[in-house]
PDB file of N, CA and C in Angstrom:
ATOM      1  N   UNK A   1       0.831  -1.132   0.102  1.00  0.00           N
ATOM      2  CA  UNK A   1      -0.006   0.026   0.054  1.00  0.00           C
ATOM      3  C   UNK A   1       0.756   1.221  -0.037  1.00  0.00           C
ATOM      4  N   UNK A   2       0.605   2.175  -0.925  1.00  0.00           N
ATOM      5  CA  UNK A   2       1.378   3.543  -0.811  1.00  0.00           C
ATOM      6  C   UNK A   2       0.257   4.563  -1.241  1.00  0.00           C
ATOM      7  N   UNK A   3       0.781   5.863  -0.965  1.00  0.00           N
ATOM      8  CA  UNK A   3      -0.036   7.022  -1.232  1.00  0.00           C
ATOM      9  C   UNK A   3       0.803   8.095  -1.966  1.00  0.00           C
ATOM     10  N   UNK A   4       0.324   8.933  -2.751  1.00  0.00           N
ATOM     11  CA  UNK A   4       0.975  10.172  -3.205  1.00  0.00           C
ATOM     12  C   UNK A   4       0.289  11.345  -2.411  1.00  0.00           C
ATOM     13  N   UNK A   5       1.063  12.084  -1.714  1.00  0.00           N
ATOM     14  CA  UNK A   5       0.729  13.214  -1.026  1.00  0.00           C
ATOM     15  C   UNK A   5       1.401  14.466  -1.518  1.00  0.00           C
ATOM     16  N   UNK A   6       0.588  15.703  -1.247  1.00  0.00           N
ATOM     17  CA  UNK A   6       1.160  16.920  -1.654  1.00  0.00           C
ATOM     18  C   UNK A   6       1.469  17.799  -0.329  1.00  0.00           C
ATOM     19  N   UNK A   7       2.602  18.157  -0.191  1.00  0.00           N
ATOM     20  CA  UNK A   7       2.970  19.140   0.935  1.00  0.00           C
ATOM     21  C   UNK A   7       4.104  20.078   0.640  1.00  0.00           C
ATOM     22  N   UNK A   8       4.070  21.262   0.771  1.00  0.00           N
ATOM     23  CA  UNK A   8       5.060  22.227   0.507  1.00  0.00           C
ATOM     24  C   UNK A   8       5.284  22.274  -0.960  1.00  0.00           C
ATOM     25  N   UNK A   9       4.207  22.161  -1.704  1.00  0.00           N
ATOM     26  CA  UNK A   9       4.176  22.362  -3.073  1.00  0.00           C
ATOM     27  C   UNK A   9       4.798  21.352  -3.893  1.00  0.00           C
ATOM     28  N   UNK A  10       5.127  20.275  -3.290  1.00  0.00           N
ATOM     29  CA  UNK A  10       5.715  19.071  -3.897  1.00  0.00           C
ATOM     30  C   UNK A  10       4.905  17.782  -3.650  1.00  0.00           C
ATOM     31  N   UNK A  11       5.062  16.791  -4.582  1.00  0.00           N
ATOM     32  CA  UNK A  11       4.206  15.583  -4.378  1.00  0.00           C
ATOM     33  C   UNK A  11       5.396  14.484  -4.046  1.00  0.00           C
ATOM     34  N   UNK A  12       4.914  13.668  -3.136  1.00  0.00           N
ATOM     35  CA  UNK A  12       5.687  12.530  -2.453  1.00  0.00           C
ATOM     36  C   UNK A  12       5.017  11.259  -2.554  1.00  0.00           C
ATOM     37  N   UNK A  13       5.688  10.055  -2.773  1.00  0.00           N
ATOM     38  CA  UNK A  13       5.004   8.927  -2.861  1.00  0.00           C
ATOM     39  C   UNK A  13       5.545   8.205  -1.521  1.00  0.00           C
ATOM     40  N   UNK A  14       4.625   7.996  -0.586  1.00  0.00           N
ATOM     41  CA  UNK A  14       5.005   7.368   0.715  1.00  0.00           C
ATOM     42  C   UNK A  14       4.198   5.999   0.992  1.00  0.00           C
ATOM     43  N   UNK A  15       4.907   5.267   1.710  1.00  0.00           N
ATOM     44  CA  UNK A  15       4.224   3.977   2.250  1.00  0.00           C
ATOM     45  C   UNK A  15       4.444   3.901   3.738  1.00  0.00           C
ATOM     46  N   UNK A  16       3.817   3.001   4.493  1.00  0.00           N
ATOM     47  CA  UNK A  16       4.001   2.870   5.958  1.00  0.00           C
ATOM     48  C   UNK A  16       5.410   2.380   6.221  1.00  0.00           C
ATOM     49  N   UNK A  17       6.143   3.146   7.047  1.00  0.00           N
ATOM     50  CA  UNK A  17       7.612   2.806   7.423  1.00  0.00           C
ATOM     51  C   UNK A  17       8.669   3.724   6.583  1.00  0.00           C
ATOM     52  N   UNK A  18       8.129   4.241   5.616  1.00  0.00           N
ATOM     53  CA  UNK A  18       9.050   5.216   4.871  1.00  0.00           C
ATOM     54  C   UNK A  18       9.409   6.413   5.716  1.00  0.00           C
ATOM     55  N   UNK A  19      10.760   6.906   5.466  1.00  0.00           N
ATOM     56  CA  UNK A  19      11.243   8.149   5.975  1.00  0.00           C
ATOM     57  C   UNK A  19      11.279   9.218   4.805  1.00  0.00           C
ATOM     58  N   UNK A  20      10.983  10.311   4.902  1.00  0.00           N
ATOM     59  CA  UNK A  20      10.756  11.299   3.718  1.00  0.00           C
ATOM     60  C   UNK A  20      11.098  12.850   4.334  1.00  0.00           C
ATOM     61  N   UNK A  21      11.930  13.491   3.459  1.00  0.00           N
ATOM     62  CA  UNK A  21      12.327  14.806   4.032  1.00  0.00           C
ATOM     63  C   UNK A  21      11.237  15.569   3.190  1.00  0.00           C
ATOM     64  N   UNK A  22      10.545  16.451   3.917  1.00  0.00           N
ATOM     65  CA  UNK A  22       9.715  17.429   3.144  1.00  0.00           C
ATOM     66  C   UNK A  22       9.882  19.005   3.586  1.00  0.00           C
ATOM     67  N   UNK A  23       9.248  19.944   2.934  1.00  0.00           N
ATOM     68  CA  UNK A  23       9.497  21.276   3.367  1.00  0.00           C
ATOM     69  C   UNK A  23       9.104  21.358   4.749  1.00  0.00           C
ATOM     70  N   UNK A  24       9.654  22.571   5.446  1.00  0.00           N
ATOM     71  CA  UNK A  24       9.432  22.683   6.885  1.00  0.00           C
ATOM     72  C   UNK A  24       7.885  22.638   7.298  1.00  0.00           C
ATOM     73  N   UNK A  25       7.710  21.853   8.184  1.00  0.00           N
ATOM     74  CA  UNK A  25       6.374  21.867   8.902  1.00  0.00           C
ATOM     75  C   UNK A  25       6.412  22.176  10.294  1.00  0.00           C
ATOM     76  N   UNK A  26       5.232  22.824  10.824  1.00  0.00           N
ATOM     77  CA  UNK A  26       5.291  23.289  12.288  1.00  0.00           C
ATOM     78  C   UNK A  26       5.250  21.991  13.038  1.00  0.00           C
ATOM     79  N   UNK A  27       6.070  22.045  14.331  1.00  0.00           N
ATOM     80  CA  UNK A  27       5.904  20.962  15.112  1.00  0.00           C
ATOM     81  C   UNK A  27       7.204  20.580  15.654  1.00  0.00           C
ATOM     82  N   UNK A  28       7.210  19.814  16.838  1.00  0.00           N
ATOM     83  CA  UNK A  28       8.609  19.461  17.532  1.00  0.00           C
ATOM     84  C   UNK A  28       8.821  18.026  17.141  1.00  0.00           C
ATOM     85  N   UNK A  29      10.134  17.529  17.412  1.00  0.00           N
ATOM     86  CA  UNK A  29      10.460  16.063  17.134  1.00  0.00           C
ATOM     87  C   UNK A  29       9.589  15.337  17.996  1.00  0.00           C
ATOM     88  N   UNK A  30       8.975  14.273  17.336  1.00  0.00           N
ATOM     89  CA  UNK A  30       8.125  13.227  18.175  1.00  0.00           C
ATOM     90  C   UNK A  30       6.639  13.728  18.098  1.00  0.00           C
ATOM     91  N   UNK A  31       6.284  14.828  17.587  1.00  0.00           N
ATOM     92  CA  UNK A  31       4.809  15.163  17.259  1.00  0.00           C
ATOM     93  C   UNK A  31       4.478  14.459  16.079  1.00  0.00           C
ATOM     94  N   UNK A  32       3.083  14.120  16.181  1.00  0.00           N
ATOM     95  CA  UNK A  32       2.390  13.392  15.015  1.00  0.00           C
ATOM     96  C   UNK A  32       1.741  14.558  14.056  1.00  0.00           C
ATOM     97  N   UNK A  33       1.886  14.219  12.716  1.00  0.00           N
ATOM     98  CA  UNK A  33       1.354  15.152  11.669  1.00  0.00           C
ATOM     99  C   UNK A  33       0.399  14.356  10.740  1.00  0.00           C
ATOM    100  N   UNK A  34      -0.670  14.895  10.598  1.00  0.00           N
ATOM    101  CA  UNK A  34      -1.592  14.471   9.543  1.00  0.00           C
ATOM    102  C   UNK A  34      -1.454  15.209   8.284  1.00  0.00           C
ATOM    103  N   UNK A  35      -1.211  14.500   7.217  1.00  0.00           N
ATOM    104  CA  UNK A  35      -1.178  15.000   5.828  1.00  0.00           C
ATOM    105  C   UNK A  35      -2.510  14.661   5.098  1.00  0.00           C
ATOM    106  N   UNK A  36      -3.370  15.730   4.841  1.00  0.00           N
ATOM    107  CA  UNK A  36      -4.647  15.631   4.369  1.00  0.00           C
ATOM    108  C   UNK A  36      -4.719  15.784   2.768  1.00  0.00           C
ATOM    109  N   UNK A  37      -3.686  16.253   2.241  1.00  0.00           N
ATOM    110  CA  UNK A  37      -3.646  16.506   0.614  1.00  0.00           C
ATOM    111  C   UNK A  37      -3.153  15.130  -0.010  1.00  0.00           C
ATOM    112  N   UNK A  38      -4.010  14.112   0.098  1.00  0.00           N
ATOM    113  CA  UNK A  38      -3.831  12.791  -0.450  1.00  0.00           C
ATOM    114  C   UNK A  38      -4.431  12.780  -1.806  1.00  0.00           C
ATOM    115  N   UNK A  39      -3.375  12.635  -2.922  1.00  0.00           N
ATOM    116  CA  UNK A  39      -3.844  12.684  -4.208  1.00  0.00           C
ATOM    117  C   UNK A  39      -4.327  11.228  -4.872  1.00  0.00           C
ATOM    118  N   UNK A  40      -3.548  10.290  -4.368  1.00  0.00           N
ATOM    119  CA  UNK A  40      -3.929   8.937  -4.730  1.00  0.00           C
ATOM    120  C   UNK A  40      -3.482   7.748  -3.772  1.00  0.00           C
ATOM    121  N   UNK A  41      -4.237   6.782  -3.704  1.00  0.00           N
ATOM    122  CA  UNK A  41      -3.990   5.721  -2.826  1.00  0.00           C
ATOM    123  C   UNK A  41      -3.927   4.377  -3.695  1.00  0.00           C
ATOM    124  N   UNK A  42      -3.073   3.603  -3.401  1.00  0.00           N
ATOM    125  CA  UNK A  42      -2.908   2.259  -4.195  1.00  0.00           C
ATOM    126  C   UNK A  42      -2.735   1.098  -3.165  1.00  0.00           C
ATOM    127  N   UNK A  43      -3.741   0.195  -3.011  1.00  0.00           N
ATOM    128  CA  UNK A  43      -3.792  -0.870  -2.144  1.00  0.00           C
ATOM    129  C   UNK A  43      -3.948  -2.150  -2.956  1.00  0.00           C
ATOM    130  N   UNK A  44      -2.799  -2.664  -3.306  1.00  0.00           N
ATOM    131  CA  UNK A  44      -2.922  -4.022  -4.069  1.00  0.00           C
ATOM    132  C   UNK A  44      -3.520  -3.724  -5.511  1.00  0.00           C
ATOM    133  N   UNK A  45      -4.634  -4.286  -5.586  1.00  0.00           N
ATOM    134  CA  UNK A  45      -4.996  -4.072  -7.083  1.00  0.00           C
ATOM    135  C   UNK A  45      -6.123  -2.894  -6.993  1.00  0.00           C
ATOM    136  N   UNK A  46      -6.403  -2.384  -5.919  1.00  0.00           N
ATOM    137  CA  UNK A  46      -7.464  -1.190  -5.912  1.00  0.00           C
ATOM    138  C   UNK A  46      -6.515   0.166  -5.798  1.00  0.00           C
ATOM    139  N   UNK A  47      -7.064   0.969  -6.759  1.00  0.00           N
ATOM    140  CA  UNK A  47      -6.543   2.306  -6.849  1.00  0.00           C
ATOM    141  C   UNK A  47      -7.671   3.347  -6.840  1.00  0.00           C
ATOM    142  N   UNK A  48      -7.386   4.313  -5.798  1.00  0.00           N
ATOM    143  CA  UNK A  48      -8.225   5.468  -5.734  1.00  0.00           C
ATOM    144  C   UNK A  48      -7.637   6.671  -6.236  1.00  0.00           C
ATOM    145  N   UNK A  49      -8.097   7.503  -7.039  1.00  0.00           N
ATOM    146  CA  UNK A  49      -7.596   8.821  -7.513  1.00  0.00           C
ATOM    147  C   UNK A  49      -8.472   9.729  -7.187  1.00  0.00           C
ATOM    148  N   UNK A  50      -8.085  10.974  -6.597  1.00  0.00           N
ATOM    149  CA  UNK A  50      -8.726  12.065  -6.183  1.00  0.00           C
ATOM    150  C   UNK A  50      -8.899  13.005  -7.300  1.00  0.00           C
ATOM    151  N   UNK A  51      -9.871  14.110  -7.160  1.00  0.00           N
ATOM    152  CA  UNK A  51     -10.156  14.955  -8.052  1.00  0.00           C
ATOM    153  C   UNK A  51     -10.210  16.324  -7.459  1.00  0.00           C
ATOM    154  N   UNK A  52      -9.258  16.972  -6.959  1.00  0.00           N
ATOM    155  CA  UNK A  52      -7.953  16.665  -6.949  1.00  0.00           C
ATOM    156  C   UNK A  52      -7.430  15.735  -5.854  1.00  0.00           C
ATOM    157  N   UNK A  53      -8.153  15.939  -4.527  1.00  0.00           N
ATOM    158  CA  UNK A  53      -7.799  15.215  -3.509  1.00  0.00           C
ATOM    159  C   UNK A  53      -8.716  14.191  -2.989  1.00  0.00           C
ATOM    160  N   UNK A  54      -8.376  13.227  -2.231  1.00  0.00           N
ATOM    161  CA  UNK A  54      -9.372  12.216  -1.749  1.00  0.00           C
ATOM    162  C   UNK A  54      -9.994  12.662  -0.326  1.00  0.00           C
ATOM    163  N   UNK A  55     -11.343  12.493  -0.356  1.00  0.00           N
ATOM    164  CA  UNK A  55     -11.938  12.974   0.951  1.00  0.00           C
ATOM    165  C   UNK A  55     -11.723  11.961   1.967  1.00  0.00           C
ATOM    166  N   UNK A  56     -11.550  12.171   3.111  1.00  0.00           N
ATOM    167  CA  UNK A  56     -11.469  11.292   4.235  1.00  0.00           C
ATOM    168  C   UNK A  56     -10.377  10.443   4.344  1.00  0.00           C
ATOM    169  N   UNK A  57      -9.272  10.462   3.667  1.00  0.00           N
ATOM    170  CA  UNK A  57      -8.013   9.956   3.565  1.00  0.00           C
ATOM    171  C   UNK A  57      -6.893  10.622   4.205  1.00  0.00           C
ATOM    172  N   UNK A  58      -6.074  10.162   5.210  1.00  0.00           N
ATOM    173  CA  UNK A  58      -5.145  10.869   5.705  1.00  0.00           C
ATOM    174  C   UNK A  58      -3.812   9.905   5.764  1.00  0.00           C
ATOM    175  N   UNK A  59      -2.625  10.588   5.820  1.00  0.00           N
ATOM    176  CA  UNK A  59      -1.406  10.012   5.869  1.00  0.00           C
ATOM    177  C   UNK A  59      -0.866  10.402   7.254  1.00  0.00           C
ATOM    178  N   UNK A  60      -0.671   9.600   8.348  1.00  0.00           N
ATOM    179  CA  UNK A  60      -0.192   9.964   9.655  1.00  0.00           C
ATOM    180  C   UNK A  60       1.059   9.679   9.766  1.00  0.00           C
ATOM    181  N   UNK A  61       1.993  10.597  10.060  1.00  0.00           N
ATOM    182  CA  UNK A  61       3.420  10.611  10.119  1.00  0.00           C
ATOM    183  C   UNK A  61       3.905  11.187  11.360  1.00  0.00           C
ATOM    184  N   UNK A  62       5.207  10.822  11.811  1.00  0.00           N
ATOM    185  CA  UNK A  62       5.658  11.306  13.017  1.00  0.00           C
ATOM    186  C   UNK A  62       7.007  12.047  12.646  1.00  0.00           C
ATOM    187  N   UNK A  63       7.145  13.379  13.368  1.00  0.00           N
ATOM    188  CA  UNK A  63       8.424  14.034  13.008  1.00  0.00           C
ATOM    189  C   UNK A  63       9.667  13.414  13.776  1.00  0.00           C
ATOM    190  N   UNK A  64      10.588  13.208  12.809  1.00  0.00           N
ATOM    191  CA  UNK A  64      11.842  12.603  13.478  1.00  0.00           C
ATOM    192  C   UNK A  64      12.987  13.519  13.498  1.00  0.00           C
ATOM    193  N   UNK A  65      12.889  14.624  12.578  1.00  0.00           N
ATOM    194  CA  UNK A  65      13.886  15.594  12.762  1.00  0.00           C
ATOM    195  C   UNK A  65      13.452  16.892  12.181  1.00  0.00           C
ATOM    196  N   UNK A  66      14.186  18.131  12.692  1.00  0.00           N
ATOM    197  CA  UNK A  66      13.823  19.224  12.106  1.00  0.00           C
ATOM    198  C   UNK A  66      15.227  19.832  11.935  1.00  0.00           C
ATOM    199  N   UNK A  67      15.484  20.355  10.621  1.00  0.00           N
ATOM    200  CA  UNK A  67      16.864  20.815  10.331  1.00  0.00           C
ATOM    201  C   UNK A  67      17.154  21.641   9.175  1.00  0.00           C
ATOM    202  N   UNK A  68      18.311  21.760   8.834  1.00  0.00           N
ATOM    203  CA  UNK A  68      18.651  22.572   7.705  1.00  0.00           C
ATOM    204  C   UNK A  68      19.251  21.730   6.684  1.00  0.00           C
ATOM    205  N   UNK A  69      19.117  21.942   5.405  1.00  0.00           N
ATOM    206  CA  UNK A  69      19.942  20.988   4.341  1.00  0.00           C
ATOM    207  C   UNK A  69      21.270  21.671   4.234  1.00  0.00           C
ATOM    208  N   UNK A  70      22.033  20.825   3.318  1.00  0.00           N
ATOM    209  CA  UNK A  70      23.491  21.540   2.952  1.00  0.00           C
ATOM    210  C   UNK A  70      23.401  23.003   2.547  1.00  0.00           C
ATOM    211  N   UNK A  71      24.459  23.654   2.590  1.00  0.00           N
ATOM    212  CA  UNK A  71      24.527  24.936   2.065  1.00  0.00           C
ATOM    213  C   UNK A  71      24.603  24.878   0.498  1.00  0.00           C
ATOM    214  N   UNK A  72      23.921  25.862  -0.095  1.00  0.00           N
ATOM    215  CA  UNK A  72      23.990  26.091  -1.454  1.00  0.00           C
ATOM    216  C   UNK A  72      24.624  27.529  -1.639  1.00  0.00           C
ATOM    217  N   UNK A  73      25.807  27.627  -2.462  1.00  0.00           N
ATOM    218  CA  UNK A  73      26.294  28.972  -2.656  1.00  0.00           C
ATOM    219  C   UNK A  73      25.913  29.397  -3.998  1.00  0.00           C
ATOM    220  N   UNK A  74      25.374  30.757  -4.001  1.00  0.00           N
ATOM    221  CA  UNK A  74      24.740  31.459  -5.246  1.00  0.00           C
ATOM    222  C   UNK A  74      25.768  32.545  -5.397  1.00  0.00           C
ATOM    223  N   UNK A  75      26.588  32.478  -6.605  1.00  0.00           N
ATOM    224  CA  UNK A  75      27.354  33.452  -6.932  1.00  0.00           C
ATOM    225  C   UNK A  75      27.097  33.936  -8.185  1.00  0.00           C
ATOM    226  N   UNK A  76      27.068  35.501  -8.084  1.00  0.00           N
ATOM    227  CA  UNK A  76      26.676  36.100  -9.333  1.00  0.00           C
ATOM    228  C   UNK A  76      27.851  37.095  -9.718  1.00  0.00           C
ATOM    229  N   UNK A  77      28.080  37.167 -11.011  1.00  0.00           N
ATOM    230  CA  UNK A  77      29.194  38.015 -11.451  1.00  0.00           C
ATOM    231  C   UNK A  77      28.846  38.616 -12.662  1.00  0.00           C
ATOM    232  N   UNK A  78      29.231  39.963 -12.966  1.00  0.00           N
ATOM    233  CA  UNK A  78      29.234  40.371 -14.377  1.00  0.00           C
ATOM    234  C   UNK A  78      30.718  40.756 -14.746  1.00  0.00           C
ATOM    235  N   UNK A  79      31.132  40.217 -15.668  1.00  0.00           N
ATOM    236  CA  UNK A  79      32.577  40.429 -16.206  1.00  0.00           C
ATOM    237  C   UNK A  79      32.843  41.910 -16.540  1.00  0.00           C
ATOM    238  N   UNK A  80      33.902  42.142 -16.296  1.00  0.00           N
ATOM    239  CA  UNK A  80      34.541  43.589 -16.392  1.00  0.00           C
ATOM    240  C   UNK A  80      33.733  44.919 -15.841  1.00  0.00           C
ATOM    241  N   UNK A  81      33.098  44.483 -14.861  1.00  0.00           N
ATOM    242  CA  UNK A  81      32.212  45.569 -14.314  1.00  0.00           C
ATOM    243  C   UNK A  81      32.411  45.731 -12.701  1.00  0.00           C
ATOM    244  N   UNK A  82      33.200  44.789 -12.211  1.00  0.00           N
ATOM    245  CA  UNK A  82      33.582  44.782 -10.797  1.00  0.00           C
ATOM    246  C   UNK A  82      32.371  44.394  -9.981  1.00  0.00           C
ATOM    247  N   UNK A  83      31.320  43.697 -10.606  1.00  0.00           N
ATOM    248  CA  UNK A  83      30.165  43.151  -9.815  1.00  0.00           C
ATOM    249  C   UNK A  83      30.185  41.710  -9.415  1.00  0.00           C
ATOM    250  N   UNK A  84      30.453  41.612  -8.150  1.00  0.00           N
ATOM    251  CA  UNK A  84      30.375  40.110  -7.546  1.00  0.00           C
ATOM    252  C   UNK A  84      29.519  39.969  -6.237  1.00  0.00           C
ATOM    253  N   UNK A  85      28.455  39.022  -6.282  1.00  0.00           N
ATOM    254  CA  UNK A  85      27.668  38.739  -5.042  1.00  0.00           C
ATOM    255  C   UNK A  85      27.825  37.413  -4.760  1.00  0.00           C
ATOM    256  N   UNK A  86      28.154  37.030  -3.554  1.00  0.00           N
ATOM    257  CA  UNK A  86      28.275  35.630  -3.017  1.00  0.00           C
ATOM    258  C   UNK A  86      27.303  35.566  -1.960  1.00  0.00           C
ATOM    259  N   UNK A  87      26.245  34.620  -2.061  1.00  0.00           N
ATOM    260  CA  UNK A  87      25.259  34.375  -1.005  1.00  0.00           C
ATOM    261  C   UNK A  87      25.152  32.817  -0.770  1.00  0.00           C
ATOM    262  N   UNK A  88      24.730  32.608   0.487  1.00  0.00           N
ATOM    263  CA  UNK A  88      24.655  31.240   0.688  1.00  0.00           C
ATOM    264  C   UNK A  88      23.255  30.995   1.361  1.00  0.00           C
ATOM    265  N   UNK A  89      22.668  29.817   1.124  1.00  0.00           N
ATOM    266  CA  UNK A  89      21.397  29.424   1.453  1.00  0.00           C
ATOM    267  C   UNK A  89      21.199  27.936   2.101  1.00  0.00           C
ATOM    268  N   UNK A  90      20.546  27.833   3.239  1.00  0.00           N
ATOM    269  CA  UNK A  90      20.296  26.574   3.702  1.00  0.00           C
ATOM    270  C   UNK A  90      18.748  26.397   3.891  1.00  0.00           C
ATOM    271  N   UNK A  91      17.999  25.474   3.229  1.00  0.00           N
ATOM    272  CA  UNK A  91      16.724  25.258   3.131  1.00  0.00           C
ATOM    273  C   UNK A  91      16.315  24.575   4.312  1.00  0.00           C
ATOM    274  N   UNK A  92      15.322  24.706   5.031  1.00  0.00           N
ATOM    275  CA  UNK A  92      14.795  24.233   6.208  1.00  0.00           C
ATOM    276  C   UNK A  92      13.935  23.024   5.756  1.00  0.00           C
ATOM    277  N   UNK A  93      14.050  21.757   6.400  1.00  0.00           N
ATOM    278  CA  UNK A  93      13.257  20.697   6.051  1.00  0.00           C
ATOM    279  C   UNK A  93      12.768  19.972   7.393  1.00  0.00           C
ATOM    280  N   UNK A  94      11.653  19.144   7.301  1.00  0.00           N
ATOM    281  CA  UNK A  94      11.203  18.286   8.228  1.00  0.00           C
ATOM    282  C   UNK A  94      11.293  16.854   7.822  1.00  0.00           C
ATOM    283  N   UNK A  95      11.877  15.988   8.662  1.00  0.00           N
ATOM    284  CA  UNK A  95      12.039  14.569   8.274  1.00  0.00           C
ATOM    285  C   UNK A  95      10.890  13.879   8.827  1.00  0.00           C
ATOM    286  N   UNK A  96      10.180  13.171   8.019  1.00  0.00           N
ATOM    287  CA  UNK A  96       8.985  12.415   8.628  1.00  0.00           C
ATOM    288  C   UNK A  96       9.003  10.865   8.554  1.00  0.00           C
ATOM    289  N   UNK A  97       8.481  10.066   9.365  1.00  0.00           N
ATOM    290  CA  UNK A  97       8.656   8.753   9.372  1.00  0.00           C
ATOM    291  C   UNK A  97       6.985   8.445   9.326  1.00  0.00           C
ATOM    292  N   UNK A  98       6.643   7.692   8.223  1.00  0.00           N
ATOM    293  CA  UNK A  98       4.992   7.444   7.775  1.00  0.00           C
ATOM    294  C   UNK A  98       4.792   6.308   8.689  1.00  0.00           C
ATOM    295  N   UNK A  99       3.521   6.467   9.466  1.00  0.00           N
ATOM    296  CA  UNK A  99       3.227   5.520  10.378  1.00  0.00           C
ATOM    297  C   UNK A  99       1.963   4.716   9.748  1.00  0.00           C
ATOM    298  N   UNK A 100       0.958   5.433   9.142  1.00  0.00           N
ATOM    299  CA  UNK A 100      -0.214   4.738   8.714  1.00  0.00           C
ATOM    300  C   UNK A 100      -0.650   5.594   7.559  1.00  0.00           C
ATOM    301  N   UNK A 101      -1.454   4.749   6.702  1.00  0.00           N
ATOM    302  CA  UNK A 101      -2.320   5.585   5.633  1.00  0.00           C
ATOM    303  C   UNK A 101      -3.770   5.164   6.057  1.00  0.00           C
ATOM    304  N   UNK A 102      -4.575   6.070   6.449  1.00  0.00           N
ATOM    305  CA  UNK A 102      -6.048   5.674   6.743  1.00  0.00           C
ATOM    306  C   UNK A 102      -6.899   5.772   5.529  1.00  0.00           C
ATOM    307  N   UNK A 103      -7.351   4.857   4.983  1.00  0.00           N
ATOM    308  CA  UNK A 103      -8.206   4.990   3.902  1.00  0.00           C
ATOM    309  C   UNK A 103      -9.767   4.868   4.015  1.00  0.00           C
TER     310      UNK A 103
END
């Protein structure tokens, strides 16, 4: 059994027991999160597809980590103009462990 969920503007395929990194969600480590934007659920031969989301279906997950990803360096330069800008960015993320898909 697996589901396609939408969170943080992205879609993820998750199954019970999976660990996935998503965009930052509110909560502390150990908290339980319910993802309501379930787009599709596949259970063996049975497939349910939402238009756009399935009503009454939730993915229950537990927060295992709140952190920052590796640093990305953004460097801009215009030749012969003396223009250089160097910036760094670390995206915030939430690591989830999927506990259950309630269909």
